[in-house]
Amino acid sequence: MRSKGEPNRTFRPRQMVRDFRSRTVPRERTPLAAWFWEIDRLLLSLIVILIAIGLVAVAAASPVAAIDRSTSAVSVDPLVYFYKQLLWVCIGVPLMLGISMLSKDKARRFALIATAFFVFTLLLVPVLGSVVNGAKRWIDLPGMRFQPSEFLKPLFVVTVAWLLSLREREPDLPLIPITGAITAVIAALLMQQPDFGQTVVFCACWGTLLLLAGASGRLIGTMIAGAVGLLVATYLFYENGRQRINDFLGLGVAPDAGPDQTDLAHRTITNGGFLGVGPGGGQEKFRLPEAHTDYIFSVIGEEFGLFACIIIALLYLAIMVRVLLRLLDEEDNFIILAAGGLTTQFGLQAIINMGVNAQIFPSKGMTLPFISYGGSSMLALCIGVGLLLAFTRRNPFMDKRRPHAVKWSGR
């Protein structure tokens, strides 16, 4: 027994738990603190690592593009594209973080409104667009070329996800035909530019969302048959696409013809071996067209080696797996569709770019997410990842779906 005046040292587990919570959980959280606790910090860290790698890669490829654009009268700074990319990163990262702070409802409304705006701008491309390398895909703005289709990709995914999620409440609405009509209109506008690669990405995202929404096997089979038919029609009636496929397969190529773009990319990516020739030491990169955008993965392979390429591919895989793991116990159908669709769009774009550089796919002008140079690409990707971060936010103290989580009332 304790003597009179001696403090009570009785073991009180409940009191210790309350004391622990008072020390580790803030009683009044600011919006910034709430965002910090709810955001997927691992996913955000992986994205930041990709952006950092992209800056290094653009710095390595920037001299190639600078030489291509230099003339006898005007000399371009070798790192001009690195400086521009750094500017886009400084604009895009705050934009991404700002969107990630939106609530899920506000993020959805933002995506719906922005989709309508960028569909309208896509309609203006044939009228106001500028022609670059034979394609009319951009609208010139002060200081940058604005490509509406880049911004529309993540917003389209969220809009279609929202429409398909309404099937639970309104099963009689023809939501699959409605989303199919929207996809068809966008695909028709893209093929007028022409931009077959972006058309494939939009259609693939729509098909993935239908799979996630539980579309019937008959519908999926019909879509696959339609996709094959469109590919055949593209080969027969789309001259640029047919030429690229023929070059890739070696059909109709003159014996004395030089290497095509995929051959040059393959030579560049393998020139560095496993560890690369070192930063700034690449020579094959100077033969590449658009080394700082479409073929930056080959520049990385030459200067930093196939090991660096493998690391980058694993980073993209880790991002996709992380999101899918985050959705395992998700109950909101819209969140599953939106996050799954955004991840598909992000991963498919990376796979196409890396596949072209590795001579697995025919040549296609598509940027490598967060690594290739480009203002429209960087800002559009930041919007898409910002939406993804907003949709995957969770309160670790109030999430009842996770039995190990600590419930906290804030009092």
Protein backbone atom coordinates (compact mmCIF):
# COMPACT_ATOMS: atom_id res chain seq x y z
CA MET A 1 0.00 0.00 0.00
CA ARG A 2 1.20 3.49 -0.78
CA SER A 3 1.82 5.86 2.10
CA LYS A 4 0.01 9.13 2.58
CA GLY A 5 1.20 11.80 0.17
CA GLU A 6 2.80 9.31 -2.24
CA PRO A 7 1.59 9.83 -5.87
CA ASN A 8 -0.76 7.25 -7.33
CA ARG A 9 1.27 5.07 -9.73
CA THR A 10 -1.55 2.64 -10.56
CA PHE A 11 -1.28 1.29 -14.14
CA ARG A 12 -4.13 2.78 -16.17
CA PRO A 13 -4.08 1.56 -19.81
CA ARG A 14 -7.07 3.66 -20.94
CA GLN A 15 -5.49 6.81 -19.57
CA MET A 16 -2.23 5.94 -21.37
CA VAL A 17 -4.10 5.53 -24.67
CA ARG A 18 -5.76 8.92 -24.22
CA ASP A 19 -2.42 10.52 -23.40
CA PHE A 20 -0.84 8.89 -26.47
CA ARG A 21 -3.59 10.16 -28.74
CA SER A 22 -3.33 13.65 -27.31
CA ARG A 23 0.39 13.66 -28.10
CA THR A 24 0.24 12.14 -31.60
CA VAL A 25 -3.03 13.49 -33.03
CA PRO A 26 -3.62 17.22 -33.28
CA ARG A 27 -6.84 18.35 -31.64
CA GLU A 28 -7.62 21.05 -34.21
CA ARG A 29 -6.25 20.25 -37.64
CA THR A 30 -5.84 22.93 -40.26
CA PRO A 31 -6.80 22.08 -43.86
CA LEU A 32 -3.12 21.64 -44.65
CA ALA A 33 -2.63 19.27 -41.72
CA ALA A 34 -5.74 17.30 -42.71
CA TRP A 35 -4.39 17.01 -46.24
CA PHE A 36 -1.04 15.77 -44.94
CA TRP A 37 -2.67 13.02 -42.87
CA GLU A 38 -5.06 11.92 -45.63
CA ILE A 39 -2.85 12.07 -48.74
CA ASP A 40 -1.12 8.95 -50.06
CA ARG A 41 2.40 10.13 -49.23
CA LEU A 42 4.06 7.10 -50.84
CA LEU A 43 2.29 7.73 -54.15
CA LEU A 44 3.20 11.41 -53.99
CA SER A 45 6.84 10.52 -53.29
CA LEU A 46 6.99 8.24 -56.33
CA ILE A 47 5.62 11.02 -58.53
CA VAL A 48 8.18 13.51 -57.17
CA ILE A 49 10.98 11.03 -57.92
CA LEU A 50 9.74 10.71 -61.51
CA ILE A 51 9.67 14.49 -61.91
CA ALA A 52 13.24 14.75 -60.60
CA ILE A 53 14.40 12.05 -63.02
CA GLY A 54 12.62 13.91 -65.81
CA LEU A 55 14.54 17.10 -65.12
CA VAL A 56 17.84 15.23 -65.32
CA ALA A 57 16.75 13.52 -68.55
CA VAL A 58 15.63 16.77 -70.19
CA ALA A 59 18.97 18.34 -69.25
CA ALA A 60 20.70 15.45 -71.06
CA ALA A 61 18.51 15.72 -74.17
CA SER A 62 18.21 19.51 -74.31
CA PRO A 63 21.47 20.07 -76.30
CA VAL A 64 20.14 17.86 -79.11
CA ALA A 65 16.97 19.91 -79.52
CA ALA A 66 18.91 23.16 -79.13
CA ILE A 67 21.26 22.22 -81.98
CA ASP A 68 18.30 21.27 -84.20
CA ARG A 69 16.77 24.71 -83.67
CA SER A 70 19.97 26.72 -83.94
CA THR A 71 20.82 28.54 -87.16
CA SER A 72 23.88 30.32 -88.47
CA ALA A 73 22.41 33.60 -87.25
CA VAL A 74 20.85 32.49 -83.96
CA SER A 75 22.48 30.27 -81.37
CA VAL A 76 20.24 28.52 -78.81
CA ASP A 77 21.37 27.88 -75.25
CA PRO A 78 22.06 24.11 -74.93
CA LEU A 79 20.01 23.95 -71.71
CA VAL A 80 17.12 26.11 -72.85
CA TYR A 81 14.65 23.21 -72.74
CA PHE A 82 15.81 22.25 -69.27
CA TYR A 83 15.09 25.79 -68.05
CA LYS A 84 11.67 25.73 -69.69
CA GLN A 85 10.88 22.32 -68.18
CA LEU A 86 11.92 23.59 -64.76
CA LEU A 87 9.45 26.45 -65.21
CA TRP A 88 6.64 24.03 -66.11
CA VAL A 89 7.49 21.91 -63.06
CA CYS A 90 7.32 24.99 -60.84
CA ILE A 91 3.84 25.70 -62.23
CA GLY A 92 2.60 22.12 -62.44
CA VAL A 93 3.57 20.81 -58.99
CA PRO A 94 1.63 23.52 -57.05
CA LEU A 95 -1.29 22.90 -59.43
CA MET A 96 -1.14 19.17 -58.65
CA LEU A 97 -0.98 19.76 -54.90
CA GLY A 98 -3.81 22.29 -55.05
CA ILE A 99 -6.11 19.86 -56.87
CA SER A 100 -5.17 17.07 -54.45
CA MET A 101 -6.46 19.24 -51.58
CA LEU A 102 -9.98 19.31 -53.05
CA SER A 103 -12.63 17.10 -51.54
CA LYS A 104 -13.75 14.18 -53.69
CA ASP A 105 -17.01 15.92 -54.62
CA LYS A 106 -15.25 19.15 -55.55
CA ALA A 107 -12.63 17.24 -57.55
CA ARG A 108 -15.38 15.47 -59.48
CA ARG A 109 -17.20 18.74 -60.23
CA PHE A 110 -13.94 20.35 -61.33
CA ALA A 111 -13.29 17.48 -63.75
CA LEU A 112 -16.80 17.65 -65.24
CA ILE A 113 -16.60 21.40 -65.86
CA ALA A 114 -13.06 21.18 -67.23
CA THR A 115 -14.09 18.33 -69.57
CA ALA A 116 -16.74 20.53 -71.19
CA PHE A 117 -14.20 23.34 -71.61
CA PHE A 118 -11.49 21.19 -73.21
CA VAL A 119 -13.96 19.44 -75.52
CA PHE A 120 -14.89 22.92 -76.72
CA THR A 121 -11.22 23.80 -77.28
CA LEU A 122 -10.76 20.51 -79.14
CA LEU A 123 -13.51 21.64 -81.51
CA LEU A 124 -11.54 24.84 -82.14
CA VAL A 125 -8.33 23.05 -83.18
CA PRO A 126 -9.32 22.65 -86.88
CA VAL A 127 -10.08 26.39 -87.00
CA LEU A 128 -7.41 27.96 -84.78
CA GLY A 129 -4.82 25.19 -84.63
CA SER A 130 -1.22 25.49 -85.81
CA VAL A 131 0.46 22.85 -87.98
CA VAL A 132 3.60 21.18 -86.58
CA ASN A 133 5.27 18.28 -88.42
CA GLY A 134 2.22 17.87 -90.64
CA ALA A 135 -0.31 17.61 -87.79
CA LYS A 136 -2.72 20.26 -86.51
CA ARG A 137 -3.01 19.47 -82.79
CA TRP A 138 -2.00 22.69 -81.04
CA ILE A 139 -3.44 26.13 -80.40
CA ASP A 140 -0.79 28.84 -80.07
CA LEU A 141 -0.88 30.85 -76.86
CA PRO A 142 1.60 33.47 -75.62
CA GLY A 143 4.69 31.57 -74.49
CA MET A 144 3.44 28.05 -75.22
CA ARG A 145 1.63 25.71 -77.57
CA PHE A 146 -1.56 24.45 -76.01
CA GLN A 147 -2.65 20.88 -76.88
CA PRO A 148 -6.28 20.35 -75.79
CA SER A 149 -6.19 16.54 -76.16
CA GLU A 150 -3.44 16.26 -73.51
CA PHE A 151 -5.57 18.07 -70.93
CA LEU A 152 -8.72 16.23 -71.94
CA LYS A 153 -7.34 12.72 -71.29
CA PRO A 154 -7.54 12.63 -67.45
CA LEU A 155 -10.71 14.73 -67.38
CA PHE A 156 -12.42 12.44 -69.90
CA VAL A 157 -11.61 9.45 -67.69
CA VAL A 158 -13.21 11.05 -64.61
CA THR A 159 -16.29 12.13 -66.57
CA VAL A 160 -16.87 8.67 -68.05
CA ALA A 161 -16.26 7.12 -64.62
CA TRP A 162 -18.93 9.36 -63.10
CA LEU A 163 -21.44 8.53 -65.84
CA LEU A 164 -20.86 4.77 -65.50
CA SER A 165 -21.11 4.99 -61.70
CA LEU A 166 -24.68 6.27 -62.10
CA ARG A 167 -25.74 2.80 -63.27
CA GLU A 168 -26.17 1.77 -59.62
CA ARG A 169 -28.82 4.45 -59.02
CA GLU A 170 -30.28 4.75 -62.54
CA PRO A 171 -30.03 1.30 -64.17
CA ASP A 172 -32.47 2.25 -66.93
CA LEU A 173 -30.33 5.09 -68.30
CA PRO A 174 -28.40 4.18 -71.51
CA LEU A 175 -25.11 5.22 -69.96
CA ILE A 176 -22.89 2.84 -71.96
CA PRO A 177 -24.18 4.16 -75.31
CA ILE A 178 -23.84 7.74 -74.01
CA THR A 179 -20.21 7.23 -73.01
CA GLY A 180 -19.59 5.41 -76.29
CA ALA A 181 -20.98 8.37 -78.24
CA ILE A 182 -18.77 10.81 -76.31
CA THR A 183 -15.73 8.63 -77.02
CA ALA A 184 -16.63 8.38 -80.71
CA VAL A 185 -16.95 12.17 -81.07
CA ILE A 186 -13.58 12.74 -79.41
CA ALA A 187 -11.97 10.01 -81.52
CA ALA A 188 -13.34 11.59 -84.71
CA LEU A 189 -11.94 14.99 -83.72
CA LEU A 190 -8.55 13.46 -82.93
CA MET A 191 -8.34 11.60 -86.24
CA GLN A 192 -8.95 14.88 -88.08
CA GLN A 193 -5.71 16.28 -86.62
CA PRO A 194 -4.58 13.40 -87.21
CA ASP A 195 -3.57 11.76 -83.91
CA PHE A 196 -4.03 8.01 -83.99
CA GLY A 197 -2.04 7.37 -80.80
CA GLN A 198 -4.21 9.61 -78.65
CA THR A 199 -7.30 8.03 -80.21
CA VAL A 200 -6.07 4.60 -79.10
CA VAL A 201 -5.48 5.88 -75.54
CA PHE A 202 -8.98 7.40 -75.26
CA CYS A 203 -10.65 4.25 -76.61
CA ALA A 204 -8.54 1.99 -74.39
CA CYS A 205 -9.47 4.02 -71.30
CA TRP A 206 -13.15 3.79 -72.20
CA GLY A 207 -12.86 0.03 -72.66
CA THR A 208 -11.07 -0.35 -69.32
CA LEU A 209 -13.77 1.63 -67.55
CA LEU A 210 -16.44 -0.60 -69.09
CA LEU A 211 -14.59 -3.65 -67.79
CA LEU A 212 -14.37 -2.15 -64.30
CA ALA A 213 -18.05 -1.21 -64.45
CA GLY A 214 -19.01 -4.83 -65.13
CA ALA A 215 -19.98 -4.69 -68.79
CA SER A 216 -21.23 -7.97 -70.30
CA GLY A 217 -18.89 -10.38 -72.05
CA ARG A 218 -20.84 -9.95 -75.28
CA LEU A 219 -20.25 -6.20 -75.22
CA ILE A 220 -16.54 -6.64 -74.50
CA GLY A 221 -16.27 -9.12 -77.38
CA THR A 222 -18.03 -6.69 -79.70
CA MET A 223 -15.65 -3.93 -78.65
CA ILE A 224 -12.60 -6.11 -79.33
CA ALA A 225 -13.92 -6.99 -82.79
CA GLY A 226 -14.61 -3.31 -83.44
CA ALA A 227 -11.08 -2.38 -82.34
CA VAL A 228 -9.59 -4.89 -84.76
CA GLY A 229 -11.80 -3.52 -87.53
CA LEU A 230 -10.69 0.03 -86.77
CA LEU A 231 -7.04 -1.00 -86.90
CA VAL A 232 -7.57 -2.59 -90.31
CA ALA A 233 -9.42 0.52 -91.52
CA THR A 234 -6.61 2.70 -90.20
CA TYR A 235 -4.04 0.71 -92.13
CA LEU A 236 -6.12 0.90 -95.32
CA PHE A 237 -7.18 4.55 -95.20
CA TYR A 238 -4.72 6.38 -92.89
CA GLU A 239 -1.59 6.96 -94.95
CA ASN A 240 0.67 8.11 -92.13
CA GLY A 241 -0.29 5.15 -89.93
CA ARG A 242 0.18 2.71 -92.78
CA GLN A 243 3.62 4.12 -93.53
CA ARG A 244 4.72 3.78 -89.91
CA ILE A 245 3.48 0.21 -89.67
CA ASN A 246 5.23 -0.67 -92.93
CA ASP A 247 8.46 0.91 -91.71
CA PHE A 248 8.18 -1.01 -88.45
CA LEU A 249 7.60 -4.31 -90.25
CA GLY A 250 10.13 -3.57 -92.99
CA LEU A 251 7.49 -3.75 -95.75
CA GLY A 252 8.06 -1.79 -98.93
CA VAL A 253 11.30 -0.25 -97.68
CA ALA A 254 13.97 0.43 -100.29
CA PRO A 255 17.25 -1.49 -99.72
CA ASP A 256 19.25 1.73 -99.65
CA ALA A 257 16.85 3.52 -97.31
CA GLY A 258 18.31 4.74 -94.05
CA PRO A 259 17.14 3.66 -90.60
CA ASP A 260 13.73 4.88 -89.49
CA GLN A 261 12.95 6.52 -86.15
CA THR A 262 12.47 3.29 -84.21
CA ASP A 263 15.78 1.94 -85.55
CA LEU A 264 17.56 5.10 -84.42
CA ALA A 265 15.88 4.90 -81.01
CA HIS A 266 16.88 1.26 -80.60
CA ARG A 267 20.49 2.01 -81.52
CA THR A 268 20.58 4.87 -79.04
CA ILE A 269 19.04 3.01 -76.11
CA THR A 270 21.41 0.06 -76.54
CA ASN A 271 24.53 2.13 -77.18
CA GLY A 272 25.09 2.79 -73.48
CA GLY A 273 25.05 -0.83 -72.39
CA PHE A 274 23.93 -1.64 -68.86
CA LEU A 275 25.50 1.35 -67.06
CA GLY A 276 25.58 3.98 -69.80
CA VAL A 277 28.30 6.17 -71.26
CA GLY A 278 27.85 8.85 -68.61
CA PRO A 279 25.97 12.19 -68.47
CA GLY A 280 26.68 14.24 -71.57
CA GLY A 281 28.69 11.47 -73.22
CA GLY A 282 26.03 10.17 -75.59
CA GLN A 283 26.62 10.56 -79.33
CA GLU A 284 23.84 8.50 -80.89
CA LYS A 285 21.27 10.84 -79.32
CA PHE A 286 22.26 13.56 -81.79
CA ARG A 287 20.79 11.46 -84.59
CA LEU A 288 17.40 11.17 -82.88
CA PRO A 289 14.43 13.31 -83.91
CA GLU A 290 12.61 14.87 -80.94
CA ALA A 291 15.15 13.47 -78.48
CA HIS A 292 13.79 15.63 -75.65
CA THR A 293 10.17 14.49 -76.06
CA ASP A 294 9.19 11.28 -77.86
CA TYR A 295 12.58 9.54 -77.61
CA ILE A 296 13.90 10.74 -74.27
CA PHE A 297 13.79 7.17 -72.93
CA SER A 298 16.47 6.24 -75.49
CA VAL A 299 18.62 9.17 -74.34
CA ILE A 300 18.36 7.87 -70.77
CA GLY A 301 19.39 4.41 -71.95
CA GLU A 302 22.46 5.72 -73.75
CA GLU A 303 23.77 8.04 -71.03
CA PHE A 304 22.60 6.27 -67.86
CA GLY A 305 22.30 2.70 -69.09
CA LEU A 306 19.64 0.03 -69.30
CA PHE A 307 19.77 -0.18 -65.51
CA ALA A 308 18.29 3.33 -65.30
CA CYS A 309 15.62 2.35 -67.84
CA ILE A 310 14.66 -0.65 -65.71
CA ILE A 311 14.42 1.56 -62.62
CA ILE A 312 12.11 3.97 -64.44
CA ALA A 313 9.90 1.13 -65.68
CA LEU A 314 9.70 -0.22 -62.11
CA LEU A 315 8.72 3.24 -60.86
CA TYR A 316 5.76 3.31 -63.25
CA LEU A 317 4.82 -0.20 -62.16
CA ALA A 318 5.07 0.78 -58.49
CA ILE A 319 2.73 3.75 -59.05
CA MET A 320 0.13 1.55 -60.73
CA VAL A 321 0.36 -1.18 -58.09
CA ARG A 322 0.16 1.38 -55.28
CA VAL A 323 -3.10 2.82 -56.61
CA LEU A 324 -4.61 -0.64 -57.14
CA LEU A 325 -3.68 -1.66 -53.59
CA ARG A 326 -5.26 1.56 -52.35
CA LEU A 327 -8.52 0.56 -54.06
CA LEU A 328 -8.74 -2.97 -52.63
CA ASP A 329 -11.12 -2.01 -49.81
CA GLU A 330 -12.73 0.97 -51.56
CA GLU A 331 -16.54 0.86 -51.59
CA ASP A 332 -17.37 3.93 -53.69
CA ASN A 333 -17.90 2.74 -57.26
CA PHE A 334 -17.06 6.16 -58.72
CA ILE A 335 -13.71 6.27 -56.90
CA ILE A 336 -12.84 2.77 -58.15
CA LEU A 337 -13.67 3.70 -61.73
CA ALA A 338 -12.00 7.11 -61.68
CA ALA A 339 -8.79 6.02 -59.96
CA GLY A 340 -8.57 2.83 -62.02
CA GLY A 341 -9.13 4.75 -65.25
CA LEU A 342 -6.58 7.44 -64.40
CA THR A 343 -4.02 4.76 -63.56
CA THR A 344 -4.72 2.97 -66.85
CA GLN A 345 -4.29 6.18 -68.84
CA PHE A 346 -1.03 7.01 -67.02
CA GLY A 347 0.42 3.52 -67.38
CA LEU A 348 -0.68 3.02 -70.99
CA GLN A 349 1.01 6.24 -72.05
CA ALA A 350 4.24 5.14 -70.37
CA ILE A 351 4.06 1.65 -71.94
CA ILE A 352 3.52 3.05 -75.45
CA ASN A 353 6.43 5.47 -75.17
CA MET A 354 8.86 2.92 -73.74
CA GLY A 355 7.69 0.31 -76.25
CA VAL A 356 8.36 2.62 -79.18
CA ASN A 357 11.85 3.42 -77.86
CA ALA A 358 12.58 -0.29 -77.41
CA GLN A 359 11.34 -1.03 -80.97
CA ILE A 360 8.39 -3.05 -79.67
CA PHE A 361 5.74 -0.75 -81.20
CA PRO A 362 5.67 1.36 -84.39
CA SER A 363 6.74 4.98 -84.14
CA LYS A 364 4.24 7.14 -82.26
CA GLY A 365 4.65 10.68 -80.98
CA MET A 366 3.70 10.30 -77.32
CA THR A 367 5.49 11.72 -74.30
CA LEU A 368 6.83 9.72 -71.37
CA PRO A 369 4.85 10.87 -68.30
CA PHE A 370 6.71 13.41 -66.14
CA ILE A 371 10.00 12.72 -67.97
CA SER A 372 9.58 14.05 -71.51
CA TYR A 373 9.76 17.77 -72.16
CA GLY A 374 6.48 19.58 -72.76
CA GLY A 375 4.34 22.25 -71.13
CA SER A 376 0.95 20.82 -72.07
CA SER A 377 2.07 17.32 -71.11
CA MET A 378 3.46 18.39 -67.73
CA LEU A 379 0.43 20.47 -66.73
CA ALA A 380 -2.04 17.83 -67.94
CA LEU A 381 -0.22 15.09 -66.03
CA CYS A 382 -0.19 17.24 -62.90
CA ILE A 383 -3.95 17.72 -63.22
CA GLY A 384 -4.48 13.98 -63.65
CA VAL A 385 -2.27 12.99 -60.73
CA GLY A 386 -3.81 15.75 -58.59
CA LEU A 387 -7.24 14.22 -59.23
CA LEU A 388 -5.85 10.75 -58.48
CA LEU A 389 -4.40 11.95 -55.17
CA ALA A 390 -7.69 13.65 -54.29
CA PHE A 391 -9.73 10.51 -55.01
CA THR A 392 -7.41 8.25 -52.99
CA ARG A 393 -7.27 10.45 -49.89
CA ARG A 394 -8.34 8.74 -46.67
CA ASN A 395 -8.74 9.81 -43.07
CA PRO A 396 -6.55 7.41 -41.06
CA PHE A 397 -8.40 8.26 -37.82
CA MET A 398 -11.99 7.94 -39.06
CA ASP A 399 -11.81 5.25 -41.74
CA LYS A 400 -14.18 2.55 -40.51
CA ARG A 401 -13.25 0.24 -43.38
CA ARG A 402 -9.84 -0.29 -41.79
CA PRO A 403 -10.35 -2.04 -38.42
CA HIS A 404 -6.83 -1.21 -37.24
CA ALA A 405 -7.34 2.53 -37.76
CA VAL A 406 -7.69 4.79 -34.72
CA LYS A 407 -10.99 6.60 -34.37
CA TRP A 408 -10.59 10.23 -33.46
CA SER A 409 -13.29 12.80 -32.91
CA GLY A 410 -11.05 15.82 -32.58
CA ARG A 411 -12.16 16.56 -29.02
